[in-house]
């Protein structure tokens, strides 16, 4: 998966493992109950904001 990402392939990673998401993502999209709660850059993401979005809280 990492080799494919490094070659420029798009990969959809669905995970509840926050560390895995932070380590592998170029962009993070948080969904809650079928609704997009936020889109964040993978480099230096706002962890507190993402955590709130994962819990369904509006930013």
Protein backbone atom coordinates (compact mmCIF):
# COMPACT_ATOMS: atom_id res chain seq x y z
CA UNK A 1 0.00 0.00 0.00
CA UNK A 2 2.78 2.43 0.88
CA UNK A 3 4.71 1.63 -2.32
CA UNK A 4 1.58 2.26 -4.41
CA UNK A 5 0.98 5.56 -2.59
CA UNK A 6 4.57 6.62 -3.20
CA UNK A 7 4.10 5.92 -6.92
CA UNK A 8 1.15 8.32 -7.00
CA UNK A 9 -1.75 5.85 -6.82
CA UNK A 10 -4.88 6.98 -5.02
CA UNK A 11 -5.76 4.78 -2.05
CA UNK A 12 -8.92 4.88 0.03
CA UNK A 13 -8.07 3.91 3.60
CA UNK A 14 -10.96 3.34 5.96
CA UNK A 15 -9.77 2.91 9.52
CA UNK A 16 -10.65 3.67 13.11
CA UNK A 17 -6.93 3.53 14.00
CA UNK A 18 -6.07 7.21 14.37
CA UNK A 19 -2.28 6.70 14.34
CA UNK A 20 -2.52 4.66 11.14
CA UNK A 21 -4.53 7.40 9.46
CA UNK A 22 -2.10 10.13 10.53
CA UNK A 23 0.96 8.15 9.38
CA UNK A 24 -0.36 7.15 5.94
CA UNK A 25 -2.59 9.98 4.75
CA UNK A 26 -1.99 12.89 2.41
CA UNK A 27 -5.56 14.04 2.97
CA UNK A 28 -8.06 13.08 5.68
CA UNK A 29 -11.81 13.14 5.14
CA UNK A 30 -13.92 12.50 8.23
CA UNK A 31 -17.41 11.09 7.81
CA UNK A 32 -19.98 10.62 10.55
CA UNK A 33 -23.33 8.92 9.93
CA UNK A 34 -22.92 9.29 6.15
CA UNK A 35 -22.08 12.99 6.28
CA UNK A 36 -18.71 14.61 5.54
CA UNK A 37 -17.68 16.41 8.70
CA UNK A 38 -14.39 17.81 7.46
CA UNK A 39 -11.52 17.58 4.98
CA UNK A 40 -7.99 18.06 6.30
CA UNK A 41 -4.47 18.08 4.88
CA UNK A 42 -2.38 15.08 5.91
CA UNK A 43 0.65 17.17 6.80
CA UNK A 44 0.32 18.63 10.30
CA UNK A 45 -3.43 17.92 10.64
CA UNK A 46 -5.47 19.58 13.42
CA UNK A 47 -5.80 16.52 15.66
CA UNK A 48 -8.30 18.02 18.11
CA UNK A 49 -10.54 19.22 15.26
CA UNK A 50 -10.40 15.81 13.58
CA UNK A 51 -11.24 14.08 16.88
CA UNK A 52 -14.30 16.26 17.33
CA UNK A 53 -15.40 15.61 13.73
CA UNK A 54 -15.04 11.85 14.33
CA UNK A 55 -17.46 12.20 17.24
CA UNK A 56 -19.98 14.07 15.05
CA UNK A 57 -19.32 17.52 16.45
CA UNK A 58 -19.54 20.50 14.10
CA UNK A 59 -16.42 22.68 13.85
